[in-house]
Structures are given as C-alpha cells and as structure tokens.
Amino acid sequence: MIRSIITAAALMLSSVASQAGQIQTKPVLCGTPEEAFNTINSMGQTKIYEALQVTTVKAPEGYAPNPVLLPFMIYMNLDAKTYTIIEYHPAYNQYCLISFGREGNFVNE
C-alpha cells in the first residue's frame, strides 16, 4: 500500500515538473523614486504591505541564472479602493510598476 502511494506521488510530481511554467514578459513601467511616489501620493495611497520577492531579472545574454531579492510593496487607498504594486531595483535606483487598479478588497472582510 505504501509503495503504491509513493509511486503515485512520484508520477504526479514528475508530471508537474514536465509541465513547468515559462517566463513571460509584459510591459513594465520603471522610473525614478520621485516619479513613482508622486503618482502614488497623488492617488492618496499608503503602504499596506512590503516583502522581499524572489525575482528573475534580465542579463545581457537572456535571463540571469540566479534570481535576486527585490523589495516589493503594495500601496492602497482604502476609501477609493485603488491600489499600486511596485518593486524596487536598487542597482538602478528605479521603481517598477507591476500592477495598479481599482476595486481592491481584502478577502474575508
């Protein structure tokens, strides 16, 4: 019985590994700290979350072989329900806009 479970688990894991995702790109707007925070401040948003994200970055010959840790922040105007998600690239002193939008809600509230 245990051997059957281990075999089934190994088959499922090998199936998942063979269907791994691919890195995609989308337009990302990057700018100076002043540009980023002028926009965020004009929307009346405040930081509600921050973390270090594991990020694949570009290199001269494609993508860097190892991911880097970049500061990641979510800003939100709780009254207007608008949000902005940015990441900071210290090597370039730039903030990149990952996502922004409206009708942001906390789940289970």
PDB file of N, CA and C in Angstrom:
ATOM      1  N   MET A   1       0.822  -1.198   0.000  1.00  0.00           N
ATOM      2  CA  MET A   1       0.000   0.000   0.000  1.00  0.00           C
ATOM      3  C   MET A   1       0.868   1.264   0.000  1.00  0.00           C
ATOM      4  N   ILE A   2       1.850   1.315   0.906  1.00  0.00           N
ATOM      5  CA  ILE A   2       2.739   2.474   0.982  1.00  0.00           C
ATOM      6  C   ILE A   2       3.496   2.626  -0.328  1.00  0.00           C
ATOM      7  N   ARG A   3       3.950   1.493  -0.892  1.00  0.00           N
ATOM      8  CA  ARG A   3       4.691   1.546  -2.158  1.00  0.00           C
ATOM      9  C   ARG A   3       3.808   2.131  -3.259  1.00  0.00           C
ATOM     10  N   SER A   4       2.536   1.811  -3.293  1.00  0.00           N
ATOM     11  CA  SER A   4       1.619   2.344  -4.304  1.00  0.00           C
ATOM     12  C   SER A   4       1.448   3.854  -4.144  1.00  0.00           C
ATOM     13  N   ILE A   5       1.353   4.315  -2.920  1.00  0.00           N
ATOM     14  CA  ILE A   5       1.200   5.743  -2.657  1.00  0.00           C
ATOM     15  C   ILE A   5       2.453   6.492  -3.089  1.00  0.00           C
ATOM     16  N   ILE A   6       3.619   5.947  -2.761  1.00  0.00           N
ATOM     17  CA  ILE A   6       4.877   6.602  -3.147  1.00  0.00           C
ATOM     18  C   ILE A   6       5.014   6.632  -4.663  1.00  0.00           C
ATOM     19  N   THR A   7       4.660   5.540  -5.328  1.00  0.00           N
ATOM     20  CA  THR A   7       4.729   5.502  -6.795  1.00  0.00           C
ATOM     21  C   THR A   7       3.782   6.523  -7.405  1.00  0.00           C
ATOM     22  N   ALA A   8       2.568   6.615  -6.884  1.00  0.00           N
ATOM     23  CA  ALA A   8       1.592   7.581  -7.407  1.00  0.00           C
ATOM     24  C   ALA A   8       2.085   9.008  -7.186  1.00  0.00           C
ATOM     25  N   ALA A   9       2.641   9.284  -6.013  1.00  0.00           N
ATOM     26  CA  ALA A   9       3.159  10.620  -5.732  1.00  0.00           C
ATOM     27  C   ALA A   9       4.321  10.964  -6.661  1.00  0.00           C
ATOM     28  N   ALA A  10       5.206  10.013  -6.908  1.00  0.00           N
ATOM     29  CA  ALA A  10       6.339  10.253  -7.804  1.00  0.00           C
ATOM     30  C   ALA A  10       5.855  10.537  -9.224  1.00  0.00           C
ATOM     31  N   LEU A  11       4.840   9.824  -9.673  1.00  0.00           N
ATOM     32  CA  LEU A  11       4.287  10.063 -11.005  1.00  0.00           C
ATOM     33  C   LEU A  11       3.654  11.447 -11.100  1.00  0.00           C
ATOM     34  N   MET A  12       2.932  11.857 -10.060  1.00  0.00           N
ATOM     35  CA  MET A  12       2.312  13.178 -10.066  1.00  0.00           C
ATOM     36  C   MET A  12       3.369  14.275 -10.078  1.00  0.00           C
ATOM     37  N   LEU A  13       4.410  14.105  -9.267  1.00  0.00           N
ATOM     38  CA  LEU A  13       5.462  15.118  -9.219  1.00  0.00           C
ATOM     39  C   LEU A  13       6.215  15.204 -10.535  1.00  0.00           C
ATOM     40  N   SER A  14       6.482  14.075 -11.170  1.00  0.00           N
ATOM     41  CA  SER A  14       7.194  14.124 -12.447  1.00  0.00           C
ATOM     42  C   SER A  14       6.311  14.747 -13.513  1.00  0.00           C
ATOM     43  N   SER A  15       5.019  14.555 -13.432  1.00  0.00           N
ATOM     44  CA  SER A  15       4.091  15.167 -14.371  1.00  0.00           C
ATOM     45  C   SER A  15       4.072  16.679 -14.194  1.00  0.00           C
ATOM     46  N   VAL A  16       4.078  17.145 -12.952  1.00  0.00           N
ATOM     47  CA  VAL A  16       4.086  18.584 -12.678  1.00  0.00           C
ATOM     48  C   VAL A  16       5.383  19.196 -13.176  1.00  0.00           C
ATOM     49  N   ALA A  17       6.506  18.531 -12.937  1.00  0.00           N
ATOM     50  CA  ALA A  17       7.801  19.068 -13.357  1.00  0.00           C
ATOM     51  C   ALA A  17       7.887  19.184 -14.873  1.00  0.00           C
ATOM     52  N   SER A  18       7.281  18.264 -15.586  1.00  0.00           N
ATOM     53  CA  SER A  18       7.357  18.324 -17.042  1.00  0.00           C
ATOM     54  C   SER A  18       6.438  19.402 -17.609  1.00  0.00           C
ATOM     55  N   GLN A  19       5.530  19.920 -16.803  1.00  0.00           N
ATOM     56  CA  GLN A  19       4.616  20.960 -17.246  1.00  0.00           C
ATOM     57  C   GLN A  19       4.930  22.292 -16.566  1.00  0.00           C
ATOM     58  N   ALA A  20       6.211  22.515 -16.267  1.00  0.00           N
ATOM     59  CA  ALA A  20       6.607  23.746 -15.579  1.00  0.00           C
ATOM     60  C   ALA A  20       6.265  24.960 -16.426  1.00  0.00           C
ATOM     61  N   GLY A  21       5.998  26.064 -15.757  1.00  0.00           N
ATOM     62  CA  GLY A  21       5.642  27.294 -16.447  1.00  0.00           C
ATOM     63  C   GLY A  21       6.819  27.890 -17.207  1.00  0.00           C
ATOM     64  N   GLN A  22       6.500  28.860 -18.030  1.00  0.00           N
ATOM     65  CA  GLN A  22       7.516  29.565 -18.798  1.00  0.00           C
ATOM     66  C   GLN A  22       7.540  31.022 -18.353  1.00  0.00           C
ATOM     67  N   ILE A  23       8.721  31.625 -18.402  1.00  0.00           N
ATOM     68  CA  ILE A  23       8.840  33.038 -18.079  1.00  0.00           C
ATOM     69  C   ILE A  23       8.214  33.841 -19.206  1.00  0.00           C
ATOM     70  N   GLN A  24       7.314  34.727 -18.851  1.00  0.00           N
ATOM     71  CA  GLN A  24       6.655  35.610 -19.806  1.00  0.00           C
ATOM     72  C   GLN A  24       7.055  37.042 -19.489  1.00  0.00           C
ATOM     73  N   THR A  25       6.914  37.908 -20.449  1.00  0.00           N
ATOM     74  CA  THR A  25       7.184  39.321 -20.204  1.00  0.00           C
ATOM     75  C   THR A  25       5.933  40.126 -20.521  1.00  0.00           C
ATOM     76  N   LYS A  26       5.797  41.233 -19.843  1.00  0.00           N
ATOM     77  CA  LYS A  26       4.718  42.177 -20.123  1.00  0.00           C
ATOM     78  C   LYS A  26       5.287  43.568 -19.965  1.00  0.00           C
ATOM     79  N   PRO A  27       4.648  44.549 -20.517  1.00  0.00           N
ATOM     80  CA  PRO A  27       5.175  45.904 -20.337  1.00  0.00           C
ATOM     81  C   PRO A  27       5.218  46.275 -18.858  1.00  0.00           C
ATOM     82  N   VAL A  28       6.356  46.762 -18.426  1.00  0.00           N
ATOM     83  CA  VAL A  28       6.538  47.203 -17.050  1.00  0.00           C
ATOM     84  C   VAL A  28       7.100  48.620 -17.112  1.00  0.00           C
ATOM     85  N   LEU A  29       6.456  49.536 -16.425  1.00  0.00           N
ATOM     86  CA  LEU A  29       6.889  50.928 -16.409  1.00  0.00           C
ATOM     87  C   LEU A  29       7.819  51.145 -15.223  1.00  0.00           C
ATOM     88  N   CYS A  30       9.044  51.607 -15.493  1.00  0.00           N
ATOM     89  CA  CYS A  30      10.010  51.874 -14.432  1.00  0.00           C
ATOM     90  C   CYS A  30      10.398  53.345 -14.457  1.00  0.00           C
ATOM     91  N   GLY A  31      10.690  53.886 -13.278  1.00  0.00           N
ATOM     92  CA  GLY A  31      11.071  55.291 -13.208  1.00  0.00           C
ATOM     93  C   GLY A  31      11.781  55.614 -11.916  1.00  0.00           C
ATOM     94  N   THR A  32      12.074  56.881 -11.754  1.00  0.00           N
ATOM     95  CA  THR A  32      12.770  57.357 -10.565  1.00  0.00           C
ATOM     96  C   THR A  32      11.860  57.269  -9.342  1.00  0.00           C
ATOM     97  N   PRO A  33      12.455  57.326  -8.159  1.00  0.00           N
ATOM     98  CA  PRO A  33      11.618  57.354  -6.954  1.00  0.00           C
ATOM     99  C   PRO A  33      10.629  58.521  -6.968  1.00  0.00           C
ATOM    100  N   GLU A  34      11.076  59.673  -7.438  1.00  0.00           N
ATOM    101  CA  GLU A  34      10.189  60.838  -7.478  1.00  0.00           C
ATOM    102  C   GLU A  34       8.974  60.570  -8.363  1.00  0.00           C
ATOM    103  N   GLU A  35       9.204  60.002  -9.539  1.00  0.00           N
ATOM    104  CA  GLU A  35       8.086  59.706 -10.447  1.00  0.00           C
ATOM    105  C   GLU A  35       7.121  58.708  -9.820  1.00  0.00           C
ATOM    106  N   ALA A  36       7.664  57.667  -9.227  1.00  0.00           N
ATOM    107  CA  ALA A  36       6.813  56.629  -8.631  1.00  0.00           C
ATOM    108  C   ALA A  36       5.981  57.186  -7.493  1.00  0.00           C
ATOM    109  N   PHE A  37       6.614  57.906  -6.576  1.00  0.00           N
ATOM    110  CA  PHE A  37       5.895  58.344  -5.385  1.00  0.00           C
ATOM    111  C   PHE A  37       5.021  59.568  -5.625  1.00  0.00           C
ATOM    112  N   ASN A  38       5.323  60.367  -6.622  1.00  0.00           N
ATOM    113  CA  ASN A  38       4.395  61.448  -6.982  1.00  0.00           C
ATOM    114  C   ASN A  38       3.062  60.855  -7.415  1.00  0.00           C
ATOM    115  N   THR A  39       3.118  59.804  -8.196  1.00  0.00           N
ATOM    116  CA  THR A  39       1.889  59.151  -8.663  1.00  0.00           C
ATOM    117  C   THR A  39       1.148  58.486  -7.507  1.00  0.00           C
ATOM    118  N   ILE A  40       1.869  57.720  -6.694  1.00  0.00           N
ATOM    119  CA  ILE A  40       1.244  57.025  -5.558  1.00  0.00           C
ATOM    120  C   ILE A  40       0.627  58.040  -4.591  1.00  0.00           C
ATOM    121  N   ASN A  41       1.362  59.106  -4.285  1.00  0.00           N
ATOM    122  CA  ASN A  41       0.852  60.126  -3.363  1.00  0.00           C
ATOM    123  C   ASN A  41      -0.361  60.854  -3.938  1.00  0.00           C
ATOM    124  N   SER A  42      -0.347  61.101  -5.253  1.00  0.00           N
ATOM    125  CA  SER A  42      -1.484  61.801  -5.864  1.00  0.00           C
ATOM    126  C   SER A  42      -2.760  60.965  -5.802  1.00  0.00           C
ATOM    127  N   MET A  43      -2.613  59.655  -5.663  1.00  0.00           N
ATOM    128  CA  MET A  43      -3.769  58.757  -5.552  1.00  0.00           C
ATOM    129  C   MET A  43      -4.212  58.596  -4.096  1.00  0.00           C
ATOM    130  N   GLY A  44      -3.471  59.203  -3.171  1.00  0.00           N
ATOM    131  CA  GLY A  44      -3.821  59.096  -1.754  1.00  0.00           C
ATOM    132  C   GLY A  44      -3.573  57.705  -1.194  1.00  0.00           C
ATOM    133  N   GLN A  45      -2.613  56.998  -1.766  1.00  0.00           N
ATOM    134  CA  GLN A  45      -2.348  55.625  -1.334  1.00  0.00           C
ATOM    135  C   GLN A  45      -1.238  55.591  -0.284  1.00  0.00           C
ATOM    136  N   THR A  46      -1.344  54.640   0.634  1.00  0.00           N
ATOM    137  CA  THR A  46      -0.319  54.415   1.648  1.00  0.00           C
ATOM    138  C   THR A  46       0.115  52.957   1.589  1.00  0.00           C
ATOM    139  N   LYS A  47       1.338  52.711   2.044  1.00  0.00           N
ATOM    140  CA  LYS A  47       1.880  51.349   2.016  1.00  0.00           C
ATOM    141  C   LYS A  47       1.134  50.475   3.012  1.00  0.00           C
ATOM    142  N   ILE A  48       0.651  49.338   2.531  1.00  0.00           N
ATOM    143  CA  ILE A  48      -0.040  48.400   3.417  1.00  0.00           C
ATOM    144  C   ILE A  48       0.692  47.065   3.525  1.00  0.00           C
ATOM    145  N   TYR A  49       1.705  46.856   2.649  1.00  0.00           N
ATOM    146  CA  TYR A  49       2.407  45.573   2.653  1.00  0.00           C
ATOM    147  C   TYR A  49       3.767  45.749   2.015  1.00  0.00           C
ATOM    148  N   GLU A  50       4.764  45.067   2.567  1.00  0.00           N
ATOM    149  CA  GLU A  50       6.081  45.032   1.939  1.00  0.00           C
ATOM    150  C   GLU A  50       6.726  43.680   2.213  1.00  0.00           C
ATOM    151  N   ALA A  51       7.584  43.269   1.287  1.00  0.00           N
ATOM    152  CA  ALA A  51       8.273  41.982   1.403  1.00  0.00           C
ATOM    153  C   ALA A  51       9.490  42.010   0.489  1.00  0.00           C
ATOM    154  N   LEU A  52      10.303  40.964   0.574  1.00  0.00           N
ATOM    155  CA  LEU A  52      11.363  40.764  -0.403  1.00  0.00           C
ATOM    156  C   LEU A  52      10.882  39.666  -1.339  1.00  0.00           C
ATOM    157  N   GLN A  53      10.813  39.984  -2.615  1.00  0.00           N
ATOM    158  CA  GLN A  53      10.358  38.984  -3.577  1.00  0.00           C
ATOM    159  C   GLN A  53      11.554  38.350  -4.273  1.00  0.00           C
ATOM    160  N   VAL A  54      11.406  37.097  -4.640  1.00  0.00           N
ATOM    161  CA  VAL A  54      12.404  36.376  -5.412  1.00  0.00           C
ATOM    162  C   VAL A  54      12.088  36.655  -6.873  1.00  0.00           C
ATOM    163  N   THR A  55      13.041  37.289  -7.590  1.00  0.00           N
ATOM    164  CA  THR A  55      12.752  37.813  -8.913  1.00  0.00           C
ATOM    165  C   THR A  55      13.783  37.368  -9.941  1.00  0.00           C
ATOM    166  N   THR A  56      13.311  36.890 -11.066  1.00  0.00           N
ATOM    167  CA  THR A  56      14.178  36.621 -12.202  1.00  0.00           C
ATOM    168  C   THR A  56      14.379  37.933 -12.949  1.00  0.00           C
ATOM    169  N   VAL A  57      15.622  38.287 -13.205  1.00  0.00           N
ATOM    170  CA  VAL A  57      15.918  39.537 -13.895  1.00  0.00           C
ATOM    171  C   VAL A  57      16.672  39.248 -15.186  1.00  0.00           C
ATOM    172  N   LYS A  58      16.649  40.222 -16.084  1.00  0.00           N
ATOM    173  CA  LYS A  58      17.346  40.077 -17.354  1.00  0.00           C
ATOM    174  C   LYS A  58      18.845  40.247 -17.169  1.00  0.00           C
ATOM    175  N   ALA A  59      19.579  39.585 -18.035  1.00  0.00           N
ATOM    176  CA  ALA A  59      21.031  39.697 -18.103  1.00  0.00           C
ATOM    177  C   ALA A  59      21.377  39.971 -19.566  1.00  0.00           C
ATOM    178  N   PRO A  60      22.615  40.355 -19.857  1.00  0.00           N
ATOM    179  CA  PRO A  60      22.964  40.648 -21.258  1.00  0.00           C
ATOM    180  C   PRO A  60      22.662  39.507 -22.227  1.00  0.00           C
ATOM    181  N   GLU A  61      22.759  38.273 -21.762  1.00  0.00           N
ATOM    182  CA  GLU A  61      22.534  37.133 -22.647  1.00  0.00           C
ATOM    183  C   GLU A  61      21.216  36.406 -22.392  1.00  0.00           C
ATOM    184  N   GLY A  62      20.217  37.100 -21.911  1.00  0.00           N
ATOM    185  CA  GLY A  62      18.912  36.488 -21.639  1.00  0.00           C
ATOM    186  C   GLY A  62      18.468  36.814 -20.225  1.00  0.00           C
ATOM    187  N   TYR A  63      18.266  35.766 -19.428  1.00  0.00           N
ATOM    188  CA  TYR A  63      17.879  35.940 -18.035  1.00  0.00           C
ATOM    189  C   TYR A  63      19.028  35.527 -17.133  1.00  0.00           C
ATOM    190  N   ALA A  64      19.164  36.218 -16.016  1.00  0.00           N
ATOM    191  CA  ALA A  64      20.205  35.888 -15.044  1.00  0.00           C
ATOM    192  C   ALA A  64      19.979  34.468 -14.531  1.00  0.00           C
ATOM    193  N   PRO A  65      21.052  33.710 -14.321  1.00  0.00           N
ATOM    194  CA  PRO A  65      20.887  32.315 -13.892  1.00  0.00           C
ATOM    195  C   PRO A  65      20.313  32.173 -12.492  1.00  0.00           C
ATOM    196  N   ASN A  66      20.509  33.193 -11.661  1.00  0.00           N
ATOM    197  CA  ASN A  66      20.007  33.137 -10.286  1.00  0.00           C
ATOM    198  C   ASN A  66      19.065  34.304 -10.033  1.00  0.00           C
ATOM    199  N   PRO A  67      17.958  34.040  -9.361  1.00  0.00           N
ATOM    200  CA  PRO A  67      17.051  35.148  -9.034  1.00  0.00           C
ATOM    201  C   PRO A  67      17.676  36.075  -7.989  1.00  0.00           C
ATOM    202  N   VAL A  68      17.141  37.277  -7.912  1.00  0.00           N
ATOM    203  CA  VAL A  68      17.589  38.252  -6.917  1.00  0.00           C
ATOM    204  C   VAL A  68      16.428  38.577  -5.986  1.00  0.00           C
ATOM    205  N   LEU A  69      16.753  39.121  -4.823  1.00  0.00           N
ATOM    206  CA  LEU A  69      15.727  39.563  -3.882  1.00  0.00           C
ATOM    207  C   LEU A  69      15.518  41.056  -4.081  1.00  0.00           C
ATOM    208  N   LEU A  70      14.279  41.442  -4.357  1.00  0.00           N
ATOM    209  CA  LEU A  70      13.942  42.843  -4.570  1.00  0.00           C
ATOM    210  C   LEU A  70      12.819  43.250  -3.620  1.00  0.00           C
ATOM    211  N   PRO A  71      12.904  44.464  -3.066  1.00  0.00           N
ATOM    212  CA  PRO A  71      11.789  44.964  -2.257  1.00  0.00           C
ATOM    213  C   PRO A  71      10.510  45.079  -3.105  1.00  0.00           C
ATOM    214  N   PHE A  72       9.419  44.647  -2.538  1.00  0.00           N
ATOM    215  CA  PHE A  72       8.109  44.602  -3.180  1.00  0.00           C
ATOM    216  C   PHE A  72       7.134  45.294  -2.248  1.00  0.00           C
ATOM    217  N   MET A  73       6.305  46.198  -2.778  1.00  0.00           N
ATOM    218  CA  MET A  73       5.397  46.963  -1.935  1.00  0.00           C
ATOM    219  C   MET A  73       4.004  47.060  -2.549  1.00  0.00           C
ATOM    220  N   ILE A  74       3.010  47.049  -1.693  1.00  0.00           N
ATOM    221  CA  ILE A  74       1.636  47.291  -2.119  1.00  0.00           C
ATOM    222  C   ILE A  74       1.153  48.553  -1.410  1.00  0.00           C
ATOM    223  N   TYR A  75       0.659  49.496  -2.192  1.00  0.00           N
ATOM    224  CA  TYR A  75       0.073  50.729  -1.683  1.00  0.00           C
ATOM    225  C   TYR A  75      -1.411  50.696  -1.992  1.00  0.00           C
ATOM    226  N   MET A  76      -2.206  51.275  -1.097  1.00  0.00           N
ATOM    227  CA  MET A  76      -3.643  51.250  -1.320  1.00  0.00           C
ATOM    228  C   MET A  76      -4.305  52.476  -0.708  1.00  0.00           C
ATOM    229  N   ASN A  77      -5.336  52.951  -1.381  1.00  0.00           N
ATOM    230  CA  ASN A  77      -6.229  53.956  -0.821  1.00  0.00           C
ATOM    231  C   ASN A  77      -7.468  53.178  -0.406  1.00  0.00           C
ATOM    232  N   LEU A  78      -7.627  52.963   0.895  1.00  0.00           N
ATOM    233  CA  LEU A  78      -8.709  52.109   1.386  1.00  0.00           C
ATOM    234  C   LEU A  78     -10.087  52.693   1.121  1.00  0.00           C
ATOM    235  N   ASP A  79     -10.206  54.016   1.061  1.00  0.00           N
ATOM    236  CA  ASP A  79     -11.506  54.633   0.791  1.00  0.00           C
ATOM    237  C   ASP A  79     -11.876  54.516  -0.685  1.00  0.00           C
ATOM    238  N   ALA A  80     -10.935  54.830  -1.564  1.00  0.00           N
ATOM    239  CA  ALA A  80     -11.200  54.779  -3.007  1.00  0.00           C
ATOM    240  C   ALA A  80     -11.046  53.368  -3.573  1.00  0.00           C
ATOM    241  N   LYS A  81     -10.444  52.460  -2.793  1.00  0.00           N
ATOM    242  CA  LYS A  81     -10.199  51.077  -3.191  1.00  0.00           C
ATOM    243  C   LYS A  81      -9.273  50.963  -4.410  1.00  0.00           C
ATOM    244  N   THR A  82      -8.334  51.914  -4.532  1.00  0.00           N
ATOM    245  CA  THR A  82      -7.330  51.831  -5.583  1.00  0.00           C
ATOM    246  C   THR A  82      -6.061  51.227  -5.000  1.00  0.00           C
ATOM    247  N   TYR A  83      -5.246  50.608  -5.849  1.00  0.00           N
ATOM    248  CA  TYR A  83      -4.006  50.007  -5.380  1.00  0.00           C
ATOM    249  C   TYR A  83      -2.902  50.176  -6.417  1.00  0.00           C
ATOM    250  N   THR A  84      -1.670  50.100  -5.950  1.00  0.00           N
ATOM    251  CA  THR A  84      -0.488  50.097  -6.799  1.00  0.00           C
ATOM    252  C   THR A  84       0.500  49.091  -6.217  1.00  0.00           C
ATOM    253  N   ILE A  85       1.069  48.256  -7.073  1.00  0.00           N
ATOM    254  CA  ILE A  85       2.094  47.295  -6.663  1.00  0.00           C
ATOM    255  C   ILE A  85       3.383  47.662  -7.388  1.00  0.00           C
ATOM    256  N   ILE A  86       4.452  47.872  -6.609  1.00  0.00           N
ATOM    257  CA  ILE A  86       5.737  48.240  -7.203  1.00  0.00           C
ATOM    258  C   ILE A  86       6.848  47.365  -6.639  1.00  0.00           C
ATOM    259  N   GLU A  87       7.955  47.304  -7.383  1.00  0.00           N
ATOM    260  CA  GLU A  87       9.164  46.665  -6.891  1.00  0.00           C
ATOM    261  C   GLU A  87      10.308  47.656  -7.076  1.00  0.00           C
ATOM    262  N   TYR A  88      11.307  47.543  -6.213  1.00  0.00           N
ATOM    263  CA  TYR A  88      12.434  48.470  -6.253  1.00  0.00           C
ATOM    264  C   TYR A  88      13.682  47.749  -6.731  1.00  0.00           C
ATOM    265  N   HIS A  89      14.373  48.361  -7.689  1.00  0.00           N
ATOM    266  CA  HIS A  89      15.633  47.826  -8.213  1.00  0.00           C
ATOM    267  C   HIS A  89      16.770  48.725  -7.724  1.00  0.00           C
ATOM    268  N   PRO A  90      17.405  48.372  -6.595  1.00  0.00           N
ATOM    269  CA  PRO A  90      18.429  49.244  -6.016  1.00  0.00           C
ATOM    270  C   PRO A  90      19.637  49.463  -6.935  1.00  0.00           C
ATOM    271  N   ALA A  91      19.977  48.492  -7.769  1.00  0.00           N
ATOM    272  CA  ALA A  91      21.129  48.653  -8.669  1.00  0.00           C
ATOM    273  C   ALA A  91      20.926  49.804  -9.643  1.00  0.00           C
ATOM    274  N   TYR A  92      19.655  50.120  -9.937  1.00  0.00           N
ATOM    275  CA  TYR A  92      19.334  51.192 -10.881  1.00  0.00           C
ATOM    276  C   TYR A  92      18.636  52.378 -10.214  1.00  0.00           C
ATOM    277  N   ASN A  93      18.361  52.266  -8.908  1.00  0.00           N
ATOM    278  CA  ASN A  93      17.573  53.262  -8.177  1.00  0.00           C
ATOM    279  C   ASN A  93      16.273  53.571  -8.921  1.00  0.00           C
ATOM    280  N   GLN A  94      15.579  52.496  -9.306  1.00  0.00           N
ATOM    281  CA  GLN A  94      14.314  52.637 -10.023  1.00  0.00           C
ATOM    282  C   GLN A  94      13.230  51.803  -9.365  1.00  0.00           C
ATOM    283  N   TYR A  95      12.018  52.325  -9.441  1.00  0.00           N
ATOM    284  CA  TYR A  95      10.834  51.587  -9.029  1.00  0.00           C
ATOM    285  C   TYR A  95      10.100  51.158 -10.285  1.00  0.00           C
ATOM    286  N   CYS A  96       9.627  49.916 -10.297  1.00  0.00           N
ATOM    287  CA  CYS A  96       8.889  49.419 -11.449  1.00  0.00           C
ATOM    288  C   CYS A  96       7.454  49.117 -11.038  1.00  0.00           C
ATOM    289  N   LEU A  97       6.539  49.588 -11.841  1.00  0.00           N
ATOM    290  CA  LEU A  97       5.112  49.398 -11.616  1.00  0.00           C
ATOM    291  C   LEU A  97       4.732  47.997 -12.099  1.00  0.00           C
ATOM    292  N   ILE A  98       4.312  47.162 -11.187  1.00  0.00           N
ATOM    293  CA  ILE A  98       3.937  45.787 -11.515  1.00  0.00           C
ATOM    294  C   ILE A  98       2.448  45.704 -11.840  1.00  0.00           C
ATOM    295  N   SER A  99       1.650  46.423 -11.059  1.00  0.00           N
ATOM    296  CA  SER A  99       0.204  46.392 -11.267  1.00  0.00           C
ATOM    297  C   SER A  99      -0.420  47.597 -10.576  1.00  0.00           C
ATOM    298  N   PHE A 100      -1.524  48.064 -11.127  1.00  0.00           N
ATOM    299  CA  PHE A 100      -2.315  49.091 -10.458  1.00  0.00           C
ATOM    300  C   PHE A 100      -3.756  48.880 -10.867  1.00  0.00           C
ATOM    301  N   GLY A 101      -4.675  49.375 -10.059  1.00  0.00           N
ATOM    302  CA  GLY A 101      -6.065  49.181 -10.413  1.00  0.00           C
ATOM    303  C   GLY A 101      -7.015  49.728  -9.373  1.00  0.00           C
ATOM    304  N   ARG A 102      -8.225  49.248  -9.446  1.00  0.00           N
ATOM    305  CA  ARG A 102      -9.298  49.745  -8.584  1.00  0.00           C
ATOM    306  C   ARG A 102     -10.109  48.567  -8.075  1.00  0.00           C
ATOM    307  N   GLU A 103     -11.058  48.880  -7.207  1.00  0.00           N
ATOM    308  CA  GLU A 103     -11.935  47.881  -6.595  1.00  0.00           C
ATOM    309  C   GLU A 103     -11.158  46.835  -5.814  1.00  0.00           C
ATOM    310  N   GLY A 104     -10.081  47.292  -5.146  1.00  0.00           N
ATOM    311  CA  GLY A 104      -9.306  46.392  -4.301  1.00  0.00           C
ATOM    312  C   GLY A 104     -10.045  46.111  -3.002  1.00  0.00           C
ATOM    313  N   ASN A 105     -10.161  44.857  -2.657  1.00  0.00           N
ATOM    314  CA  ASN A 105     -10.851  44.434  -1.436  1.00  0.00           C
ATOM    315  C   ASN A 105     -10.040  43.387  -0.724  1.00  0.00           C
ATOM    316  N   PHE A 106     -10.116  43.394   0.585  1.00  0.00           N
ATOM    317  CA  PHE A 106      -9.489  42.348   1.374  1.00  0.00           C
ATOM    318  C   PHE A 106     -10.453  41.157   1.430  1.00  0.00           C
ATOM    319  N   VAL A 107      -9.932  39.994   1.223  1.00  0.00           N
ATOM    320  CA  VAL A 107     -10.755  38.780   1.246  1.00  0.00           C
ATOM    321  C   VAL A 107     -11.151  38.475   2.684  1.00  0.00           C
ATOM    322  N   ASN A 108     -12.372  37.994   2.877  1.00  0.00           N
ATOM    323  CA  ASN A 108     -12.905  37.611   4.188  1.00  0.00           C
ATOM    324  C   ASN A 108     -13.088  38.786   5.135  1.00  0.00           C
ATOM    325  N   GLU A 109     -13.349  39.964   4.602  1.00  0.00           N
ATOM    326  CA  GLU A 109     -13.637  41.106   5.465  1.00  0.00           C
ATOM    327  C   GLU A 109     -15.078  41.479   5.364  1.00  0.00           C
TER     328      GLU A 109
END
